[in-house]
Amino acid sequence: MASKEILNTLGRTWQATWLCLSLLTVAGCVKDAAVFSGLKPDHPPPLMAGCSTVTVFQPALRWQAFSPAEPEGSLSEATYEVRIWAAAHDAPGQLVYAREGLPEPSHKVQDPLPPSTTFFWSVRARFLLNGSPRVTDWGQQLAISIQVRNSKPGEWLGHDLIEHQYYRYYCFQTPGAAQ
């Protein structure tokens, strides 16, 4: 099956993953990369491993604005939805905060979050396309690490290991109670 046929059979998320892994494997000079599905966060910044630490209990979340590559028809202004979950076993647990209809690609959490707690969060855009409601995927990140041993740019990686995490929502941790 040709590369184009492979890409056509995969969804957009996996297309990006496949392309990223292919480029990293051929280049051999990049050790870490991240692939994003949906809207990418600006703050708290996504990390390759672990979670960002915020300094307040009501953090301001920011993300890239929705901008379709090539809209096919009449497109309305986008609004955004934000969800925050308390972490449970390194995964989203109970939903603790949700807002819809946000007009800007940012939002300050209105309810104080508990101290010393890890949270997962995500955002998506809502819009109308030719009068029909549409949404983007919830924003997620895939971190990819390539363990390169004695490889030079342009050489095949051979037996080197490519590691990746599953797609996950963005995460942050609130400060301790004394802060």
C-alpha atoms as a PDB file:
ATOM      1  CA  MET A   1       0.000   0.000   0.000  1.00  0.00           C
ATOM      2  CA  ALA A   2       1.466   3.373  -0.987  1.00  0.00           C
ATOM      3  CA  SER A   3       2.074   6.074   1.622  1.00  0.00           C
ATOM      4  CA  LYS A   4      -0.796   8.213   0.292  1.00  0.00           C
ATOM      5  CA  GLU A   5      -3.193   5.252   0.549  1.00  0.00           C
ATOM      6  CA  ILE A   6      -2.051   4.613   4.113  1.00  0.00           C
ATOM      7  CA  LEU A   7      -2.667   8.239   5.072  1.00  0.00           C
ATOM      8  CA  ASN A   8      -6.127   8.192   3.491  1.00  0.00           C
ATOM      9  CA  THR A   9      -7.127   5.182   5.599  1.00  0.00           C
ATOM     10  CA  LEU A  10      -6.021   6.815   8.844  1.00  0.00           C
ATOM     11  CA  GLY A  11      -7.804   9.561  10.760  1.00  0.00           C
ATOM     12  CA  ARG A  12      -6.237  13.032  11.062  1.00  0.00           C
ATOM     13  CA  THR A  13      -4.761  12.267  14.484  1.00  0.00           C
ATOM     14  CA  TRP A  14      -2.992   9.158  13.297  1.00  0.00           C
ATOM     15  CA  GLN A  15      -1.910  10.881  10.084  1.00  0.00           C
ATOM     16  CA  ALA A  16      -0.032  13.433  12.167  1.00  0.00           C
ATOM     17  CA  THR A  17       1.486  10.708  14.351  1.00  0.00           C
ATOM     18  CA  TRP A  18       2.559   8.629  11.352  1.00  0.00           C
ATOM     19  CA  LEU A  19       4.069  11.651   9.599  1.00  0.00           C
ATOM     20  CA  CYS A  20       5.927  12.748  12.733  1.00  0.00           C
ATOM     21  CA  LEU A  21       7.370   9.279  13.358  1.00  0.00           C
ATOM     22  CA  SER A  22       8.375   8.946   9.703  1.00  0.00           C
ATOM     23  CA  LEU A  23      10.190  12.278   9.655  1.00  0.00           C
ATOM     24  CA  LEU A  24      11.928  11.605  12.957  1.00  0.00           C
ATOM     25  CA  THR A  25      13.028   8.159  11.850  1.00  0.00           C
ATOM     26  CA  VAL A  26      14.487   9.421   8.570  1.00  0.00           C
ATOM     27  CA  ALA A  27      16.108  12.512  10.087  1.00  0.00           C
ATOM     28  CA  GLY A  28      17.635  10.672  13.017  1.00  0.00           C
ATOM     29  CA  CYS A  29      18.677  13.935  14.594  1.00  0.00           C
ATOM     30  CA  VAL A  30      15.602  14.790  16.678  1.00  0.00           C
ATOM     31  CA  LYS A  31      15.222  13.079  20.039  1.00  0.00           C
ATOM     32  CA  ASP A  32      11.909  14.443  21.335  1.00  0.00           C
ATOM     33  CA  ALA A  33       8.763  15.708  19.666  1.00  0.00           C
ATOM     34  CA  ALA A  34       5.108  16.277  20.443  1.00  0.00           C
ATOM     35  CA  VAL A  35       2.092  15.737  18.219  1.00  0.00           C
ATOM     36  CA  PHE A  36      -1.097  17.618  19.040  1.00  0.00           C
ATOM     37  CA  SER A  37      -4.654  16.701  18.178  1.00  0.00           C
ATOM     38  CA  GLY A  38      -7.209  19.491  18.430  1.00  0.00           C
ATOM     39  CA  LEU A  39      -6.312  22.918  19.807  1.00  0.00           C
ATOM     40  CA  LYS A  40      -2.807  23.304  21.248  1.00  0.00           C
ATOM     41  CA  PRO A  41      -2.421  24.904  24.696  1.00  0.00           C
ATOM     42  CA  ASP A  42      -0.290  28.011  25.277  1.00  0.00           C
ATOM     43  CA  HIS A  43      -0.609  28.165  29.083  1.00  0.00           C
ATOM     44  CA  PRO A  44       0.040  26.179  31.129  1.00  0.00           C
ATOM     45  CA  PRO A  45       2.569  24.987  28.575  1.00  0.00           C
ATOM     46  CA  PRO A  46       2.546  21.312  27.593  1.00  0.00           C
ATOM     47  CA  LEU A  47       5.573  19.340  28.769  1.00  0.00           C
ATOM     48  CA  MET A  48       7.165  16.289  27.177  1.00  0.00           C
ATOM     49  CA  ALA A  49       6.924  14.461  30.509  1.00  0.00           C
ATOM     50  CA  GLY A  50       5.023  15.333  33.650  1.00  0.00           C
ATOM     51  CA  CYS A  51       2.741  18.286  34.228  1.00  0.00           C
ATOM     52  CA  SER A  52       3.235  22.052  34.315  1.00  0.00           C
ATOM     53  CA  THR A  53       2.992  23.711  37.717  1.00  0.00           C
ATOM     54  CA  VAL A  54       0.768  26.758  38.025  1.00  0.00           C
ATOM     55  CA  THR A  55       1.328  29.374  40.746  1.00  0.00           C
ATOM     56  CA  VAL A  56      -2.309  30.144  41.587  1.00  0.00           C
ATOM     57  CA  PHE A  57      -5.466  28.182  42.425  1.00  0.00           C
ATOM     58  CA  GLN A  58      -7.451  29.902  39.655  1.00  0.00           C
ATOM     59  CA  PRO A  59      -5.108  29.600  36.680  1.00  0.00           C
ATOM     60  CA  ALA A  60      -5.610  31.369  33.370  1.00  0.00           C
ATOM     61  CA  LEU A  61      -5.786  28.805  30.569  1.00  0.00           C
ATOM     62  CA  ARG A  62      -4.814  29.859  27.040  1.00  0.00           C
ATOM     63  CA  TRP A  63      -4.850  27.917  23.792  1.00  0.00           C
ATOM     64  CA  GLN A  64      -4.464  28.473  20.064  1.00  0.00           C
ATOM     65  CA  ALA A  65      -7.445  30.081  18.367  1.00  0.00           C
ATOM     66  CA  PHE A  66      -9.580  27.940  16.083  1.00  0.00           C
ATOM     67  CA  SER A  67      -8.661  28.592  12.468  1.00  0.00           C
ATOM     68  CA  PRO A  68      -9.788  26.055   9.871  1.00  0.00           C
ATOM     69  CA  ALA A  69      -7.256  25.483   7.111  1.00  0.00           C
ATOM     70  CA  GLU A  70      -9.683  25.645   4.199  1.00  0.00           C
ATOM     71  CA  PRO A  71     -13.308  26.149   5.212  1.00  0.00           C
ATOM     72  CA  GLU A  72     -15.676  24.690   2.655  1.00  0.00           C
ATOM     73  CA  GLY A  73     -18.693  26.947   3.000  1.00  0.00           C
ATOM     74  CA  SER A  74     -20.074  29.479   5.451  1.00  0.00           C
ATOM     75  CA  LEU A  75     -18.294  29.359   8.808  1.00  0.00           C
ATOM     76  CA  SER A  76     -19.541  31.046  12.003  1.00  0.00           C
ATOM     77  CA  GLU A  77     -17.394  32.497  14.773  1.00  0.00           C
ATOM     78  CA  ALA A  78     -16.103  29.784  17.069  1.00  0.00           C
ATOM     79  CA  THR A  79     -16.771  29.523  20.778  1.00  0.00           C
ATOM     80  CA  TYR A  80     -14.796  27.287  23.101  1.00  0.00           C
ATOM     81  CA  GLU A  81     -15.494  24.641  25.730  1.00  0.00           C
ATOM     82  CA  VAL A  82     -13.068  23.910  28.568  1.00  0.00           C
ATOM     83  CA  ARG A  83     -13.059  20.839  30.821  1.00  0.00           C
ATOM     84  CA  ILE A  84     -10.859  20.162  33.869  1.00  0.00           C
ATOM     85  CA  TRP A  85     -10.647  16.761  35.558  1.00  0.00           C
ATOM     86  CA  ALA A  86      -8.922  15.813  38.818  1.00  0.00           C
ATOM     87  CA  ALA A  87      -6.223  13.250  38.053  1.00  0.00           C
ATOM     88  CA  ALA A  88      -6.852   9.669  39.141  1.00  0.00           C
ATOM     89  CA  HIS A  89      -4.052   7.146  38.564  1.00  0.00           C
ATOM     90  CA  ASP A  90      -2.320   9.397  35.998  1.00  0.00           C
ATOM     91  CA  ALA A  91      -5.522   9.772  33.961  1.00  0.00           C
ATOM     92  CA  PRO A  92      -8.547  12.081  33.978  1.00  0.00           C
ATOM     93  CA  GLY A  93     -10.860  11.244  36.864  1.00  0.00           C
ATOM     94  CA  GLN A  94     -13.801  13.270  38.146  1.00  0.00           C
ATOM     95  CA  LEU A  95     -14.853  16.315  36.113  1.00  0.00           C
ATOM     96  CA  VAL A  96     -14.347  19.295  38.452  1.00  0.00           C
ATOM     97  CA  TYR A  97     -14.819  22.281  36.144  1.00  0.00           C
ATOM     98  CA  ALA A  98     -16.542  22.962  32.829  1.00  0.00           C
ATOM     99  CA  ARG A  99     -17.353  26.086  30.828  1.00  0.00           C
ATOM    100  CA  GLU A 100     -19.019  26.487  27.432  1.00  0.00           C
ATOM    101  CA  GLY A 101     -19.623  29.363  25.045  1.00  0.00           C
ATOM    102  CA  LEU A 102     -16.292  31.077  25.730  1.00  0.00           C
ATOM    103  CA  PRO A 103     -15.751  33.736  23.030  1.00  0.00           C
ATOM    104  CA  GLU A 104     -11.936  33.978  23.326  1.00  0.00           C
ATOM    105  CA  PRO A 105      -9.141  31.361  23.281  1.00  0.00           C
ATOM    106  CA  SER A 106      -8.452  31.908  26.986  1.00  0.00           C
ATOM    107  CA  HIS A 107     -10.259  31.503  30.289  1.00  0.00           C
ATOM    108  CA  LYS A 108      -9.451  32.187  33.938  1.00  0.00           C
ATOM    109  CA  VAL A 109     -10.776  29.392  36.134  1.00  0.00           C
ATOM    110  CA  GLN A 110     -13.512  31.006  38.252  1.00  0.00           C
ATOM    111  CA  ASP A 111     -13.612  28.504  41.131  1.00  0.00           C
ATOM    112  CA  PRO A 112     -10.448  27.939  43.222  1.00  0.00           C
ATOM    113  CA  LEU A 113      -8.932  24.503  42.657  1.00  0.00           C
ATOM    114  CA  PRO A 114      -7.579  22.421  45.578  1.00  0.00           C
ATOM    115  CA  PRO A 115      -3.865  22.775  46.457  1.00  0.00           C
ATOM    116  CA  SER A 116      -1.193  20.218  45.535  1.00  0.00           C
ATOM    117  CA  THR A 117      -3.465  18.488  43.050  1.00  0.00           C
ATOM    118  CA  THR A 118      -2.825  17.314  39.510  1.00  0.00           C
ATOM    119  CA  PHE A 119      -5.455  18.117  36.902  1.00  0.00           C
ATOM    120  CA  PHE A 120      -6.001  17.196  33.284  1.00  0.00           C
ATOM    121  CA  TRP A 121      -7.645  19.746  31.007  1.00  0.00           C
ATOM    122  CA  SER A 122      -8.759  20.066  27.435  1.00  0.00           C
ATOM    123  CA  VAL A 123     -10.484  22.486  25.106  1.00  0.00           C
ATOM    124  CA  ARG A 124     -12.442  22.262  21.878  1.00  0.00           C
ATOM    125  CA  ALA A 125     -14.072  24.726  19.499  1.00  0.00           C
ATOM    126  CA  ARG A 126     -17.763  24.842  18.540  1.00  0.00           C
ATOM    127  CA  PHE A 127     -18.877  26.499  15.313  1.00  0.00           C
ATOM    128  CA  LEU A 128     -21.446  26.357  12.536  1.00  0.00           C
ATOM    129  CA  LEU A 129     -20.482  25.213   9.050  1.00  0.00           C
ATOM    130  CA  ASN A 130     -23.186  25.998   6.490  1.00  0.00           C
ATOM    131  CA  GLY A 131     -25.624  26.306   9.395  1.00  0.00           C
ATOM    132  CA  SER A 132     -24.821  22.863  10.851  1.00  0.00           C
ATOM    133  CA  PRO A 133     -23.206  22.568  14.310  1.00  0.00           C
ATOM    134  CA  ARG A 134     -19.652  21.225  14.372  1.00  0.00           C
ATOM    135  CA  VAL A 135     -16.950  20.698  17.013  1.00  0.00           C
ATOM    136  CA  THR A 136     -13.223  20.054  16.872  1.00  0.00           C
ATOM    137  CA  ASP A 137     -11.600  17.123  18.648  1.00  0.00           C
ATOM    138  CA  TRP A 138     -10.794  17.656  22.309  1.00  0.00           C
ATOM    139  CA  GLY A 139      -7.184  18.871  22.494  1.00  0.00           C
ATOM    140  CA  GLN A 140      -4.641  16.169  23.335  1.00  0.00           C
ATOM    141  CA  GLN A 141      -0.904  15.612  23.171  1.00  0.00           C
ATOM    142  CA  LEU A 142       1.268  12.660  22.188  1.00  0.00           C
ATOM    143  CA  ALA A 143       4.867  12.866  23.392  1.00  0.00           C
ATOM    144  CA  ILE A 144       7.404  10.929  21.347  1.00  0.00           C
ATOM    145  CA  SER A 145      10.966  10.154  22.448  1.00  0.00           C
ATOM    146  CA  ILE A 146      13.496   8.518  20.184  1.00  0.00           C
ATOM    147  CA  GLN A 147      16.442   6.929  21.942  1.00  0.00           C
ATOM    148  CA  VAL A 148      19.318   7.594  19.567  1.00  0.00           C
ATOM    149  CA  ARG A 149      22.569   5.678  20.207  1.00  0.00           C
ATOM    150  CA  ASN A 150      25.540   6.716  18.085  1.00  0.00           C
ATOM    151  CA  SER A 151      23.304   7.823  15.233  1.00  0.00           C
ATOM    152  CA  LYS A 152      24.231  10.617  12.880  1.00  0.00           C
ATOM    153  CA  PRO A 153      21.753  12.855  11.045  1.00  0.00           C
ATOM    154  CA  GLY A 154      20.545  11.121   7.912  1.00  0.00           C
ATOM    155  CA  GLU A 155      21.412   7.583   9.058  1.00  0.00           C
ATOM    156  CA  TRP A 156      18.746   4.990   9.721  1.00  0.00           C
ATOM    157  CA  LEU A 157      18.185   4.373  13.410  1.00  0.00           C
ATOM    158  CA  GLY A 158      18.616   0.620  13.076  1.00  0.00           C
ATOM    159  CA  HIS A 159      17.882  -1.068  16.403  1.00  0.00           C
ATOM    160  CA  ASP A 160      17.300   2.162  18.300  1.00  0.00           C
ATOM    161  CA  LEU A 161      14.076   2.365  20.260  1.00  0.00           C
ATOM    162  CA  ILE A 162      11.168   4.684  19.545  1.00  0.00           C
ATOM    163  CA  GLU A 163       9.044   5.297  22.642  1.00  0.00           C
ATOM    164  CA  HIS A 164       5.755   7.145  22.838  1.00  0.00           C
ATOM    165  CA  GLN A 165       3.010   7.912  25.302  1.00  0.00           C
ATOM    166  CA  TYR A 166      -0.616   7.497  24.431  1.00  0.00           C
ATOM    167  CA  TYR A 167      -2.531  10.624  23.564  1.00  0.00           C
ATOM    168  CA  ARG A 168      -3.524  12.369  26.744  1.00  0.00           C
ATOM    169  CA  TYR A 169      -5.164  15.585  27.806  1.00  0.00           C
ATOM    170  CA  TYR A 170      -2.956  18.471  28.941  1.00  0.00           C
ATOM    171  CA  CYS A 171      -2.078  18.590  32.625  1.00  0.00           C
ATOM    172  CA  PHE A 172      -1.049  20.982  35.373  1.00  0.00           C
ATOM    173  CA  GLN A 173      -0.512  20.870  39.120  1.00  0.00           C
ATOM    174  CA  THR A 174      -1.687  23.476  41.620  1.00  0.00           C
ATOM    175  CA  PRO A 175       0.733  24.885  44.222  1.00  0.00           C
ATOM    176  CA  GLY A 176       0.901  23.655  47.823  1.00  0.00           C
ATOM    177  CA  ALA A 177      -1.467  25.035  50.479  1.00  0.00           C
ATOM    178  CA  ALA A 178       1.124  27.407  51.988  1.00  0.00           C
ATOM    179  CA  GLN A 179       1.451  29.397  48.767  1.00  0.00           C
END
